[in-house]
N, C-alpha and C. Protein backbone atom coordinates (compact mmCIF):
# COMPACT_ATOMS: atom_id res chain seq x y z
N MET A 1 12.93 38.00 -32.34
CA MET A 1 11.64 37.82 -31.73
C MET A 1 11.10 36.43 -32.05
N ARG A 2 9.86 36.16 -31.64
CA ARG A 2 9.35 34.81 -31.69
C ARG A 2 8.53 34.49 -32.93
N ILE A 3 7.96 35.43 -33.65
CA ILE A 3 7.01 35.08 -34.70
C ILE A 3 7.58 35.33 -36.10
N VAL A 4 7.32 34.42 -36.98
CA VAL A 4 7.77 34.52 -38.36
C VAL A 4 6.61 34.08 -39.26
N ALA A 5 6.45 34.72 -40.36
CA ALA A 5 5.36 34.38 -41.26
C ALA A 5 5.74 33.22 -42.15
N LEU A 6 5.74 32.04 -41.60
CA LEU A 6 6.20 30.87 -42.32
C LEU A 6 5.28 30.46 -43.45
N ALA A 7 4.03 30.37 -43.17
CA ALA A 7 3.14 29.75 -44.12
C ALA A 7 2.63 30.68 -45.19
N ALA A 8 2.76 31.94 -45.02
CA ALA A 8 2.16 32.86 -45.97
C ALA A 8 2.54 32.55 -47.40
N LEU A 9 3.82 32.43 -47.67
CA LEU A 9 4.25 32.18 -49.04
C LEU A 9 3.84 30.80 -49.52
N ALA A 10 4.04 29.81 -48.69
CA ALA A 10 3.67 28.45 -49.11
C ALA A 10 2.19 28.37 -49.40
N MET A 11 1.40 28.95 -48.56
CA MET A 11 -0.03 28.89 -48.77
C MET A 11 -0.43 29.71 -49.99
N LEU A 12 0.32 30.76 -50.31
CA LEU A 12 0.04 31.51 -51.53
C LEU A 12 0.18 30.61 -52.75
N LEU A 13 1.03 29.63 -52.63
CA LEU A 13 1.29 28.74 -53.74
C LEU A 13 0.30 27.59 -53.84
N LEU A 14 -0.55 27.41 -52.81
CA LEU A 14 -1.36 26.21 -52.74
C LEU A 14 -2.79 26.33 -53.24
N THR A 15 -3.56 27.32 -52.73
CA THR A 15 -4.99 27.29 -52.97
C THR A 15 -5.56 28.66 -53.24
N GLY A 16 -6.85 28.76 -53.48
CA GLY A 16 -7.52 30.03 -53.74
C GLY A 16 -8.17 30.59 -52.50
N CYS A 17 -8.53 31.90 -52.55
CA CYS A 17 -9.13 32.58 -51.40
C CYS A 17 -10.08 33.66 -51.88
N ALA A 18 -11.13 33.91 -51.13
CA ALA A 18 -12.06 34.99 -51.46
C ALA A 18 -11.41 36.34 -51.17
N GLY A 19 -11.93 37.40 -51.80
CA GLY A 19 -11.38 38.72 -51.60
C GLY A 19 -11.51 39.22 -50.17
N LYS A 20 -12.58 38.85 -49.47
CA LYS A 20 -12.75 39.23 -48.06
C LYS A 20 -13.54 38.11 -47.40
N GLN A 21 -13.06 37.67 -46.23
CA GLN A 21 -13.78 36.62 -45.54
C GLN A 21 -13.69 36.82 -44.04
N GLU A 22 -14.67 36.28 -43.31
CA GLU A 22 -14.66 36.36 -41.87
C GLU A 22 -15.16 35.04 -41.32
N SER A 23 -14.64 34.63 -40.17
CA SER A 23 -15.13 33.45 -39.47
C SER A 23 -14.94 33.67 -37.99
N THR A 24 -15.80 33.05 -37.18
CA THR A 24 -15.69 33.22 -35.75
C THR A 24 -14.95 32.07 -35.08
N ARG A 25 -14.94 30.88 -35.65
CA ARG A 25 -14.20 29.75 -35.13
C ARG A 25 -13.20 29.30 -36.19
N PRO A 26 -12.05 29.97 -36.26
CA PRO A 26 -11.10 29.65 -37.33
C PRO A 26 -10.56 28.22 -37.22
N GLN A 27 -10.61 27.54 -38.34
CA GLN A 27 -10.06 26.19 -38.45
C GLN A 27 -9.17 26.14 -39.67
N ALA A 28 -8.24 25.18 -39.65
CA ALA A 28 -7.31 25.01 -40.77
C ALA A 28 -7.06 23.53 -40.98
N TRP A 29 -6.55 23.19 -42.16
CA TRP A 29 -6.23 21.80 -42.49
C TRP A 29 -4.83 21.46 -42.02
N LEU A 30 -4.69 20.34 -41.32
CA LEU A 30 -3.37 19.82 -40.98
C LEU A 30 -2.89 18.90 -42.10
N LYS A 31 -3.83 18.18 -42.69
CA LYS A 31 -3.62 17.36 -43.87
C LYS A 31 -5.01 17.13 -44.45
N PRO A 32 -5.12 16.66 -45.67
CA PRO A 32 -6.46 16.46 -46.24
C PRO A 32 -7.33 15.60 -45.32
N GLY A 33 -8.53 16.11 -45.03
CA GLY A 33 -9.47 15.40 -44.18
C GLY A 33 -9.31 15.63 -42.69
N VAL A 34 -8.28 16.37 -42.28
CA VAL A 34 -8.05 16.61 -40.84
C VAL A 34 -7.95 18.11 -40.60
N ARG A 35 -8.95 18.63 -39.87
CA ARG A 35 -9.00 20.06 -39.55
C ARG A 35 -8.70 20.25 -38.07
N VAL A 36 -8.21 21.45 -37.75
CA VAL A 36 -7.90 21.82 -36.36
C VAL A 36 -8.41 23.24 -36.12
N THR A 37 -8.93 23.48 -34.91
CA THR A 37 -9.30 24.83 -34.51
C THR A 37 -8.05 25.52 -34.00
N LEU A 38 -7.81 26.74 -34.44
CA LEU A 38 -6.61 27.47 -34.04
C LEU A 38 -6.66 27.84 -32.56
N PRO A 39 -5.50 27.87 -31.88
CA PRO A 39 -5.46 28.35 -30.51
C PRO A 39 -5.83 29.83 -30.47
N ALA A 40 -6.04 30.36 -29.28
CA ALA A 40 -6.34 31.78 -29.11
C ALA A 40 -5.19 32.60 -29.67
N PRO A 41 -5.47 33.81 -30.21
CA PRO A 41 -4.42 34.62 -30.85
C PRO A 41 -3.49 35.34 -29.89
N ASP A 42 -3.78 35.28 -28.59
CA ASP A 42 -2.94 36.02 -27.65
C ASP A 42 -1.60 35.33 -27.42
N ILE A 43 -0.56 36.13 -27.33
CA ILE A 43 0.80 35.63 -27.10
C ILE A 43 1.58 36.71 -26.36
N ASP A 44 2.52 36.25 -25.55
CA ASP A 44 3.34 37.18 -24.78
C ASP A 44 4.79 36.76 -24.92
N PRO A 45 5.71 37.65 -25.25
CA PRO A 45 5.55 39.10 -25.36
C PRO A 45 5.07 39.51 -26.76
N PRO A 46 4.53 40.73 -26.87
CA PRO A 46 4.16 41.26 -28.19
C PRO A 46 5.40 41.38 -29.08
N PHE A 47 5.20 41.43 -30.39
CA PHE A 47 6.32 41.49 -31.33
C PHE A 47 5.89 42.14 -32.63
N SER A 48 6.90 42.46 -33.44
CA SER A 48 6.69 42.97 -34.79
C SER A 48 7.91 42.55 -35.61
N ARG A 49 7.69 41.96 -36.79
CA ARG A 49 8.79 41.45 -37.62
C ARG A 49 8.58 41.80 -39.08
N GLN A 50 9.71 41.94 -39.80
CA GLN A 50 9.72 42.08 -41.26
C GLN A 50 10.56 40.92 -41.78
N GLN A 51 10.01 40.18 -42.76
CA GLN A 51 10.73 39.02 -43.26
C GLN A 51 10.57 38.84 -44.76
N LEU A 52 11.56 38.19 -45.31
CA LEU A 52 11.51 37.78 -46.70
C LEU A 52 11.33 36.27 -46.70
N LEU A 53 10.24 35.81 -47.28
CA LEU A 53 9.96 34.38 -47.36
C LEU A 53 10.23 33.90 -48.78
N THR A 54 10.88 32.77 -48.88
CA THR A 54 11.10 32.15 -50.18
C THR A 54 10.51 30.76 -50.12
N GLY A 55 9.53 30.52 -50.94
CA GLY A 55 8.81 29.25 -50.93
C GLY A 55 9.04 28.46 -52.19
N THR A 56 9.08 27.14 -52.03
CA THR A 56 9.20 26.24 -53.17
C THR A 56 8.01 25.29 -53.14
N PHE A 57 7.31 25.21 -54.26
CA PHE A 57 6.15 24.34 -54.40
C PHE A 57 6.09 23.86 -55.84
N LYS A 58 6.04 22.54 -56.03
CA LYS A 58 5.98 21.94 -57.37
C LYS A 58 7.09 22.47 -58.27
N GLY A 59 8.30 22.58 -57.72
CA GLY A 59 9.46 23.00 -58.51
C GLY A 59 9.56 24.48 -58.80
N LYS A 60 8.57 25.25 -58.38
CA LYS A 60 8.59 26.69 -58.60
C LYS A 60 8.96 27.40 -57.30
N GLN A 61 9.73 28.48 -57.44
CA GLN A 61 10.18 29.24 -56.29
C GLN A 61 9.69 30.67 -56.40
N GLN A 62 9.16 31.21 -55.29
CA GLN A 62 8.70 32.59 -55.25
C GLN A 62 9.11 33.20 -53.92
N SER A 63 9.28 34.52 -53.92
CA SER A 63 9.61 35.25 -52.70
C SER A 63 8.56 36.31 -52.43
N LEU A 64 8.41 36.63 -51.15
CA LEU A 64 7.41 37.57 -50.72
C LEU A 64 7.88 38.24 -49.43
N MET A 65 7.72 39.56 -49.34
CA MET A 65 8.02 40.26 -48.09
C MET A 65 6.75 40.29 -47.26
N VAL A 66 6.90 40.04 -45.95
CA VAL A 66 5.76 40.07 -45.06
C VAL A 66 6.06 40.92 -43.83
N LEU A 67 5.02 41.54 -43.32
CA LEU A 67 5.07 42.27 -42.06
C LEU A 67 4.16 41.51 -41.11
N LEU A 68 4.69 41.14 -39.95
CA LEU A 68 3.96 40.32 -39.01
C LEU A 68 4.00 40.98 -37.64
N SER A 69 2.86 41.07 -36.98
CA SER A 69 2.86 41.65 -35.63
C SER A 69 1.81 40.97 -34.77
N ALA A 70 2.09 40.95 -33.48
CA ALA A 70 1.15 40.45 -32.49
C ALA A 70 1.23 41.39 -31.30
N ASP A 71 0.09 41.91 -30.88
CA ASP A 71 0.08 42.85 -29.77
C ASP A 71 -0.40 42.21 -28.47
N GLY A 72 -0.50 40.89 -28.45
CA GLY A 72 -0.99 40.18 -27.28
C GLY A 72 -2.45 39.80 -27.39
N GLN A 73 -3.19 40.47 -28.26
CA GLN A 73 -4.61 40.18 -28.46
C GLN A 73 -4.95 39.90 -29.91
N ARG A 74 -4.09 40.33 -30.84
CA ARG A 74 -4.36 40.18 -32.27
C ARG A 74 -3.06 39.82 -32.98
N LEU A 75 -3.18 38.92 -33.94
CA LEU A 75 -2.09 38.55 -34.83
C LEU A 75 -2.42 39.13 -36.20
N THR A 76 -1.49 39.89 -36.78
CA THR A 76 -1.72 40.53 -38.07
C THR A 76 -0.57 40.22 -39.01
N LEU A 77 -0.91 39.89 -40.25
CA LEU A 77 0.06 39.57 -41.28
C LEU A 77 -0.30 40.34 -42.54
N ALA A 78 0.68 41.05 -43.11
CA ALA A 78 0.48 41.75 -44.38
C ALA A 78 1.54 41.29 -45.36
N GLY A 79 1.14 40.99 -46.58
CA GLY A 79 2.07 40.60 -47.63
C GLY A 79 2.28 41.77 -48.58
N LEU A 80 3.54 42.01 -48.94
CA LEU A 80 3.88 43.14 -49.81
C LEU A 80 4.58 42.66 -51.07
N SER A 81 4.34 43.37 -52.16
CA SER A 81 5.05 43.08 -53.40
C SER A 81 6.48 43.61 -53.30
N ALA A 82 7.30 43.31 -54.29
CA ALA A 82 8.68 43.80 -54.32
C ALA A 82 8.75 45.32 -54.33
N LEU A 83 7.69 45.97 -54.80
CA LEU A 83 7.63 47.43 -54.83
C LEU A 83 7.01 48.02 -53.57
N GLY A 84 6.64 47.16 -52.62
CA GLY A 84 6.07 47.64 -51.37
C GLY A 84 4.57 47.82 -51.40
N ILE A 85 3.90 47.34 -52.44
CA ILE A 85 2.45 47.44 -52.54
C ILE A 85 1.83 46.32 -51.71
N ARG A 86 0.85 46.68 -50.84
CA ARG A 86 0.20 45.66 -50.01
C ARG A 86 -0.67 44.76 -50.88
N LEU A 87 -0.40 43.45 -50.81
CA LEU A 87 -1.15 42.47 -51.57
C LEU A 87 -2.33 41.91 -50.79
N PHE A 88 -2.10 41.68 -49.49
CA PHE A 88 -3.15 41.15 -48.64
C PHE A 88 -2.86 41.50 -47.19
N ARG A 89 -3.90 41.38 -46.37
CA ARG A 89 -3.78 41.58 -44.92
C ARG A 89 -4.69 40.57 -44.25
N VAL A 90 -4.16 39.89 -43.24
CA VAL A 90 -4.91 38.91 -42.49
C VAL A 90 -4.76 39.24 -41.01
N SER A 91 -5.85 39.22 -40.27
CA SER A 91 -5.75 39.41 -38.83
C SER A 91 -6.63 38.40 -38.12
N TYR A 92 -6.20 38.04 -36.92
CA TYR A 92 -6.92 37.07 -36.10
C TYR A 92 -6.99 37.62 -34.69
N ASP A 93 -8.22 37.79 -34.19
CA ASP A 93 -8.44 38.25 -32.82
C ASP A 93 -9.62 37.49 -32.25
N ARG A 94 -10.14 37.93 -31.11
CA ARG A 94 -11.22 37.20 -30.44
C ARG A 94 -12.50 37.15 -31.28
N HIS A 95 -12.60 37.98 -32.31
CA HIS A 95 -13.76 37.99 -33.18
C HIS A 95 -13.60 37.03 -34.37
N GLY A 96 -12.42 36.45 -34.54
CA GLY A 96 -12.18 35.51 -35.62
C GLY A 96 -11.12 36.00 -36.58
N VAL A 97 -11.16 35.49 -37.80
CA VAL A 97 -10.18 35.80 -38.83
C VAL A 97 -10.82 36.74 -39.85
N GLN A 98 -10.10 37.82 -40.16
CA GLN A 98 -10.55 38.75 -41.19
C GLN A 98 -9.43 38.84 -42.22
N SER A 99 -9.79 38.83 -43.49
CA SER A 99 -8.77 38.96 -44.53
C SER A 99 -9.23 39.94 -45.59
N GLU A 100 -8.25 40.66 -46.13
CA GLU A 100 -8.49 41.60 -47.22
C GLU A 100 -7.46 41.34 -48.29
N GLN A 101 -7.90 41.34 -49.52
CA GLN A 101 -7.00 41.15 -50.64
C GLN A 101 -6.99 42.43 -51.45
N SER A 102 -5.84 43.11 -51.52
CA SER A 102 -5.73 44.39 -52.21
C SER A 102 -5.52 44.22 -53.71
N VAL A 103 -4.83 43.17 -54.08
CA VAL A 103 -4.53 42.89 -55.48
C VAL A 103 -5.00 41.47 -55.76
N VAL A 104 -5.57 41.23 -56.91
CA VAL A 104 -6.05 39.90 -57.24
C VAL A 104 -4.86 38.95 -57.37
N LEU A 105 -4.84 37.97 -56.49
CA LEU A 105 -3.83 36.92 -56.50
C LEU A 105 -4.56 35.59 -56.56
N PRO A 106 -4.56 34.94 -57.69
CA PRO A 106 -5.37 33.73 -57.83
C PRO A 106 -4.94 32.59 -56.92
N GLU A 107 -3.72 32.62 -56.37
CA GLU A 107 -3.27 31.52 -55.55
C GLU A 107 -3.19 31.87 -54.07
N LEU A 108 -3.94 32.89 -53.62
CA LEU A 108 -3.94 33.26 -52.21
C LEU A 108 -4.81 32.27 -51.45
N PRO A 109 -4.31 31.71 -50.34
CA PRO A 109 -5.04 30.68 -49.60
C PRO A 109 -6.03 31.26 -48.61
N PRO A 110 -6.83 30.38 -48.02
CA PRO A 110 -7.68 30.84 -46.92
C PRO A 110 -6.80 31.38 -45.79
N ALA A 111 -7.25 32.47 -45.18
CA ALA A 111 -6.48 33.13 -44.14
C ALA A 111 -6.12 32.20 -42.99
N SER A 112 -7.04 31.33 -42.60
CA SER A 112 -6.78 30.45 -41.46
C SER A 112 -5.63 29.48 -41.73
N GLN A 113 -5.41 29.11 -43.00
CA GLN A 113 -4.28 28.23 -43.33
C GLN A 113 -2.95 28.94 -43.11
N VAL A 114 -2.88 30.19 -43.51
CA VAL A 114 -1.67 30.98 -43.31
C VAL A 114 -1.38 31.10 -41.81
N LEU A 115 -2.40 31.44 -41.04
CA LEU A 115 -2.22 31.62 -39.61
C LEU A 115 -1.85 30.32 -38.91
N ALA A 116 -2.37 29.21 -39.37
CA ALA A 116 -2.08 27.92 -38.73
C ALA A 116 -0.59 27.62 -38.74
N ASP A 117 0.08 27.79 -39.87
CA ASP A 117 1.51 27.50 -39.92
C ASP A 117 2.31 28.49 -39.08
N ILE A 118 1.90 29.74 -39.05
CA ILE A 118 2.57 30.73 -38.21
C ILE A 118 2.45 30.31 -36.75
N MET A 119 1.24 29.97 -36.36
CA MET A 119 1.00 29.62 -34.97
C MET A 119 1.65 28.29 -34.59
N LEU A 120 1.69 27.33 -35.51
CA LEU A 120 2.39 26.07 -35.23
C LEU A 120 3.87 26.33 -34.94
N SER A 121 4.43 27.30 -35.60
CA SER A 121 5.85 27.61 -35.46
C SER A 121 6.18 28.36 -34.18
N HIS A 122 5.24 29.16 -33.69
CA HIS A 122 5.58 30.09 -32.62
C HIS A 122 4.80 29.98 -31.34
N TRP A 123 3.58 29.55 -31.40
CA TRP A 123 2.81 29.46 -30.17
C TRP A 123 3.36 28.31 -29.34
N PRO A 124 3.28 28.43 -28.02
CA PRO A 124 3.77 27.35 -27.16
C PRO A 124 3.05 26.03 -27.47
N ILE A 125 3.77 24.96 -27.33
CA ILE A 125 3.19 23.64 -27.59
C ILE A 125 1.95 23.42 -26.74
N ASP A 126 1.97 23.90 -25.50
CA ASP A 126 0.81 23.73 -24.61
C ASP A 126 -0.46 24.36 -25.19
N ALA A 127 -0.33 25.44 -25.95
CA ALA A 127 -1.49 26.08 -26.57
C ALA A 127 -2.10 25.19 -27.64
N TRP A 128 -1.31 24.29 -28.21
CA TRP A 128 -1.77 23.40 -29.27
C TRP A 128 -2.29 22.06 -28.78
N ARG A 129 -1.81 21.59 -27.62
CA ARG A 129 -2.14 20.22 -27.16
C ARG A 129 -3.63 19.93 -27.18
N SER A 130 -4.43 20.82 -26.64
CA SER A 130 -5.87 20.57 -26.57
C SER A 130 -6.56 20.75 -27.93
N GLN A 131 -5.87 21.36 -28.88
CA GLN A 131 -6.46 21.63 -30.20
C GLN A 131 -6.22 20.48 -31.19
N LEU A 132 -5.13 19.74 -31.00
CA LEU A 132 -4.77 18.70 -31.96
C LEU A 132 -5.72 17.52 -31.89
N PRO A 133 -5.96 16.88 -33.04
CA PRO A 133 -6.80 15.68 -33.05
C PRO A 133 -6.16 14.57 -32.22
N GLY A 134 -6.96 13.61 -31.82
CA GLY A 134 -6.47 12.49 -31.03
C GLY A 134 -5.32 11.77 -31.71
N GLY A 135 -4.26 11.51 -30.96
CA GLY A 135 -3.10 10.79 -31.48
C GLY A 135 -2.06 11.68 -32.14
N TRP A 136 -2.39 12.93 -32.46
CA TRP A 136 -1.44 13.86 -33.07
C TRP A 136 -0.52 14.42 -32.00
N THR A 137 0.74 14.71 -32.38
CA THR A 137 1.70 15.30 -31.43
C THR A 137 2.43 16.47 -32.06
N LEU A 138 2.81 17.41 -31.23
CA LEU A 138 3.67 18.53 -31.61
C LEU A 138 4.76 18.58 -30.56
N VAL A 139 6.01 18.31 -30.99
CA VAL A 139 7.13 18.22 -30.04
C VAL A 139 8.32 19.02 -30.55
N ASP A 140 9.10 19.53 -29.59
CA ASP A 140 10.36 20.19 -29.90
C ASP A 140 11.47 19.17 -29.69
N GLU A 141 12.33 19.02 -30.69
CA GLU A 141 13.49 18.13 -30.61
C GLU A 141 14.71 18.91 -31.08
N GLY A 142 15.48 19.44 -30.14
CA GLY A 142 16.65 20.24 -30.50
C GLY A 142 16.25 21.47 -31.27
N ASP A 143 16.78 21.61 -32.50
CA ASP A 143 16.48 22.80 -33.31
C ASP A 143 15.28 22.58 -34.24
N ARG A 144 14.45 21.58 -33.93
CA ARG A 144 13.28 21.29 -34.77
C ARG A 144 12.01 21.20 -33.93
N ARG A 145 10.89 21.51 -34.57
CA ARG A 145 9.56 21.25 -34.02
C ARG A 145 8.87 20.35 -35.03
N LEU A 146 8.32 19.25 -34.54
CA LEU A 146 7.72 18.26 -35.42
C LEU A 146 6.24 18.07 -35.11
N LEU A 147 5.41 18.16 -36.15
CA LEU A 147 3.99 17.85 -36.05
C LEU A 147 3.81 16.47 -36.67
N ARG A 148 3.31 15.53 -35.87
CA ARG A 148 3.13 14.16 -36.34
C ARG A 148 1.66 13.77 -36.25
N ASP A 149 1.22 12.97 -37.22
CA ASP A 149 -0.17 12.53 -37.23
C ASP A 149 -0.37 11.34 -36.29
N GLU A 150 -1.57 10.80 -36.30
CA GLU A 150 -1.93 9.71 -35.40
C GLU A 150 -1.13 8.43 -35.64
N ASN A 151 -0.48 8.32 -36.80
CA ASN A 151 0.36 7.16 -37.12
C ASN A 151 1.83 7.42 -36.85
N GLY A 152 2.16 8.59 -36.31
CA GLY A 152 3.54 8.94 -36.01
C GLY A 152 4.30 9.48 -37.21
N LYS A 153 3.62 9.69 -38.33
CA LYS A 153 4.26 10.22 -39.54
C LYS A 153 4.40 11.74 -39.43
N THR A 154 5.61 12.25 -39.75
CA THR A 154 5.85 13.69 -39.69
C THR A 154 5.09 14.39 -40.81
N VAL A 155 4.24 15.34 -40.43
CA VAL A 155 3.45 16.13 -41.36
C VAL A 155 4.17 17.44 -41.66
N THR A 156 4.70 18.08 -40.60
CA THR A 156 5.39 19.37 -40.73
C THR A 156 6.64 19.36 -39.87
N GLU A 157 7.74 19.86 -40.45
CA GLU A 157 8.99 20.02 -39.70
C GLU A 157 9.40 21.48 -39.78
N ILE A 158 9.59 22.09 -38.62
CA ILE A 158 10.00 23.49 -38.53
C ILE A 158 11.41 23.51 -37.95
N ARG A 159 12.33 24.18 -38.64
CA ARG A 159 13.72 24.32 -38.15
C ARG A 159 13.90 25.70 -37.55
N TYR A 160 14.73 25.74 -36.50
CA TYR A 160 14.96 26.99 -35.77
C TYR A 160 16.44 27.32 -35.72
N MET A 161 16.71 28.61 -35.46
CA MET A 161 18.06 29.11 -35.23
C MET A 161 18.01 29.94 -33.95
N GLN A 162 19.05 29.81 -33.15
CA GLN A 162 19.13 30.61 -31.92
C GLN A 162 19.79 31.95 -32.25
N ARG A 163 19.09 33.04 -31.96
CA ARG A 163 19.62 34.40 -32.14
C ARG A 163 19.59 35.08 -30.79
N GLY A 164 20.74 35.10 -30.13
CA GLY A 164 20.78 35.63 -28.77
C GLY A 164 19.95 34.73 -27.87
N ALA A 165 19.01 35.31 -27.16
CA ALA A 165 18.14 34.54 -26.27
C ALA A 165 16.88 34.05 -26.96
N THR A 166 16.74 34.33 -28.24
CA THR A 166 15.52 34.02 -28.97
C THR A 166 15.71 32.87 -29.96
N ARG A 167 14.77 31.96 -29.97
CA ARG A 167 14.75 30.83 -30.91
C ARG A 167 13.78 31.22 -32.03
N GLU A 168 14.31 31.35 -33.26
CA GLU A 168 13.50 31.81 -34.38
C GLU A 168 13.43 30.77 -35.49
N PRO A 169 12.21 30.57 -36.05
CA PRO A 169 12.08 29.64 -37.17
C PRO A 169 12.84 30.16 -38.39
N VAL A 170 13.51 29.26 -39.11
CA VAL A 170 14.21 29.63 -40.33
C VAL A 170 13.72 28.83 -41.54
N SER A 171 12.95 27.76 -41.30
CA SER A 171 12.36 27.03 -42.42
C SER A 171 11.20 26.17 -41.97
N VAL A 172 10.30 25.92 -42.91
CA VAL A 172 9.16 25.04 -42.69
C VAL A 172 9.10 24.07 -43.86
N GLN A 173 9.05 22.80 -43.55
CA GLN A 173 8.86 21.76 -44.57
C GLN A 173 7.51 21.12 -44.29
N GLN A 174 6.57 21.25 -45.22
CA GLN A 174 5.25 20.66 -45.07
C GLN A 174 5.21 19.48 -46.03
N PHE A 175 5.27 18.28 -45.47
CA PHE A 175 5.41 17.07 -46.28
C PHE A 175 4.13 16.67 -46.99
N VAL A 176 2.98 16.83 -46.36
CA VAL A 176 1.72 16.40 -46.96
C VAL A 176 1.32 17.29 -48.13
N PHE A 177 1.40 18.61 -47.94
CA PHE A 177 1.01 19.54 -49.01
C PHE A 177 2.18 19.85 -49.95
N GLY A 178 3.39 19.39 -49.61
CA GLY A 178 4.52 19.45 -50.51
C GLY A 178 5.15 20.82 -50.73
N TYR A 179 5.32 21.61 -49.69
CA TYR A 179 6.00 22.89 -49.86
C TYR A 179 7.11 23.05 -48.83
N HIS A 180 8.05 23.95 -49.17
CA HIS A 180 9.16 24.28 -48.29
C HIS A 180 9.32 25.79 -48.29
N ILE A 181 9.50 26.38 -47.10
CA ILE A 181 9.65 27.82 -46.98
C ILE A 181 10.92 28.11 -46.19
N THR A 182 11.72 29.04 -46.70
CA THR A 182 12.85 29.55 -45.92
C THR A 182 12.52 30.98 -45.52
N ILE A 183 13.00 31.36 -44.33
CA ILE A 183 12.66 32.66 -43.77
C ILE A 183 13.93 33.46 -43.53
N GLN A 184 13.98 34.66 -44.08
CA GLN A 184 15.08 35.57 -43.81
C GLN A 184 14.51 36.73 -43.02
N ASP A 185 14.99 36.90 -41.81
CA ASP A 185 14.52 37.98 -40.95
C ASP A 185 15.20 39.27 -41.35
N LEU A 186 14.44 40.25 -41.77
CA LEU A 186 14.99 41.52 -42.23
C LEU A 186 15.26 42.48 -41.08
N ASP A 187 14.79 42.14 -39.87
CA ASP A 187 15.04 42.98 -38.70
C ASP A 187 16.36 42.67 -38.01
N SER A 188 16.92 41.49 -38.27
CA SER A 188 18.16 41.09 -37.60
C SER A 188 19.38 41.66 -38.30
N PRO A 189 20.45 41.90 -37.54
CA PRO A 189 21.67 42.43 -38.16
C PRO A 189 22.34 41.40 -39.05
């Protein structure tokens, strides 16, 4: 399928988050000082995925299982512990972003940051064009998607693998915030 929870683990390693938050105009950081409003949460076709994310940040590596689904109107992401205990849940729909934290995780990021990397990886480039700041580009080049700033510097590189007729993200390298995530799809044979 098309969606993978790329940023969840990396963002878990980056910043703090409130136990419950809501916003009506979700925005996220592309790099320090540069914010972007997220595209609409609708996507076609609907999907549901289970994945194991392994993130590296500041020399430390952590893994997290995530459940990700989009029904065409809402994007939902749940993070689970190794024992299957729900750690957090994030959803984005026409009402904004809602997040719930079931277990205290001091390094859980703002929900919109998690969703931004997911959407950068999977939403069509056309959905992002009007959202990006002036001079920024998001382009597909072979098995990569590159987000570049106004100076042409690569901010994020997403690598893909072809599985049948579907192009699926397998890694995200975020150069500005300094994290790398690999994605193992648990639904694929």
